[in-house]
Every structure is written in structure tokens, then in C-alpha cells.
Amino acid sequence: MFEGYSSVIKLSDKELNMLYDVVIARFTLSVSIGRETILSGGGNDYIEKCVNENIVYLQKLTNFGRETFNKVVIGI
């Protein structure tokens, strides 16, 4: 995925190193908004499914850590 994107717009080393933080922040935001929606009574099966899946992905990503994420996902 990142190779394809980088062929269009070259990401700097600083941008590549920030991707882990951006991905973690995005999953955290998705989980937080989803949970709040569910708790406020506005949830549905789809939102609950997404929240539960995103919690699993967030846990895996935090267990990976930045170094493994960079090697496995980005390839650096």
C-alpha cells in the first residue's frame, strides 16, 4: 500500500516515522466515537461490530510497537 502511495507522492522519513502514531490515533478515535455512540443509545449492529473489530486491531498494533509496524507494514 505504501509503495503505491509513495510512487505518486514521496513521503519523507519524518512522515513515514509518524504513520504509526497516525494509525494508532485513528483506531483510537474510531473506538472512542463508536463506544460513545453505543453508550448514548445511537448504536446498531454495524457500529458494535466495527468497534469490536477496531479494538482488536488497536490491541494488535500497540503490541506490535513502532519498530515492528515500520518493518512489517511499511517495509522500512
Protein backbone atom coordinates (compact mmCIF):
# COMPACT_ATOMS: atom_id res chain seq x y z
CA MET A 1 0.00 0.00 0.00
CA PHE A 2 2.71 2.48 0.97
CA GLU A 3 4.81 1.64 -2.09
CA GLY A 4 1.88 2.55 -4.34
CA TYR A 5 1.25 5.77 -2.50
CA SER A 6 4.94 6.65 -2.47
CA SER A 7 5.08 6.22 -6.25
CA VAL A 8 2.64 9.15 -6.51
CA ILE A 9 3.85 11.32 -3.63
CA LYS A 10 7.16 10.55 -1.96
CA LEU A 11 6.81 10.51 1.82
CA SER A 12 9.69 11.94 3.81
CA ASP A 13 11.39 9.90 6.51
CA LYS A 14 9.68 12.08 9.11
CA GLU A 15 6.26 11.36 7.56
CA LEU A 16 6.95 7.62 7.39
CA ASN A 17 8.00 7.59 11.04
CA MET A 18 4.76 9.36 12.01
CA LEU A 19 2.50 6.80 10.33
CA TYR A 20 2.44 4.53 13.38
CA ASP A 21 1.17 7.38 15.53
CA VAL A 22 -1.42 8.37 12.94
CA VAL A 23 -2.75 4.82 12.59
CA ILE A 24 -2.93 4.34 16.38
CA ALA A 25 -4.69 7.70 16.76
CA ARG A 26 -7.20 6.85 14.02
CA PHE A 27 -8.12 3.48 15.54
CA THR A 28 -8.39 5.09 18.99
CA LEU A 29 -10.69 7.77 17.62
CA SER A 30 -12.86 5.19 15.84
CA VAL A 31 -13.20 3.09 19.00
CA SER A 32 -13.93 6.13 21.17
CA ILE A 33 -16.59 7.59 18.89
CA GLY A 34 -18.16 4.17 18.35
CA ARG A 35 -18.30 3.41 22.07
CA GLU A 36 -19.83 6.81 22.82
CA THR A 37 -22.43 6.25 20.10
CA ILE A 38 -23.33 2.86 21.58
CA LEU A 39 -23.45 4.18 25.16
CA SER A 40 -25.68 7.10 24.13
CA GLY A 41 -28.18 4.68 22.60
CA GLY A 42 -27.43 5.51 18.97
CA GLY A 43 -25.61 2.30 18.17
CA ASN A 44 -26.56 -0.55 15.91
CA ASP A 45 -25.15 -3.96 14.99
CA TYR A 46 -22.80 -2.46 12.40
CA ILE A 47 -21.32 0.08 14.81
CA GLU A 48 -20.87 -2.56 17.52
CA LYS A 49 -19.15 -4.89 15.05
CA CYS A 50 -16.81 -2.13 13.89
CA VAL A 51 -15.95 -1.09 17.46
CA ASN A 52 -15.19 -4.67 18.46
CA GLU A 53 -13.00 -5.25 15.39
CA ASN A 54 -11.20 -1.95 15.83
CA ILE A 55 -10.45 -2.78 19.48
CA VAL A 56 -8.75 -5.99 18.31
CA TYR A 57 -6.74 -4.13 15.63
CA LEU A 58 -5.75 -1.42 18.11
CA GLN A 59 -4.52 -4.03 20.60
CA LYS A 60 -2.51 -5.79 17.89
CA LEU A 61 -0.96 -2.55 16.69
CA THR A 62 0.03 -1.46 20.17
CA ASN A 63 1.51 -4.91 20.82
CA PHE A 64 3.46 -4.65 17.54
CA GLY A 65 5.06 -1.40 18.55
CA ARG A 66 6.55 1.19 16.23
CA GLU A 67 9.62 -0.78 15.18
CA THR A 68 7.68 -3.89 14.10
CA PHE A 69 4.99 -1.74 12.45
CA ASN A 70 7.65 0.06 10.43
CA LYS A 71 9.30 -3.20 9.35
CA VAL A 72 6.18 -5.25 8.62
CA VAL A 73 3.64 -2.71 7.43
CA ILE A 74 5.76 -0.01 5.85
CA GLY A 75 8.81 -2.05 4.97
CA ILE A 76 11.41 0.27 6.50
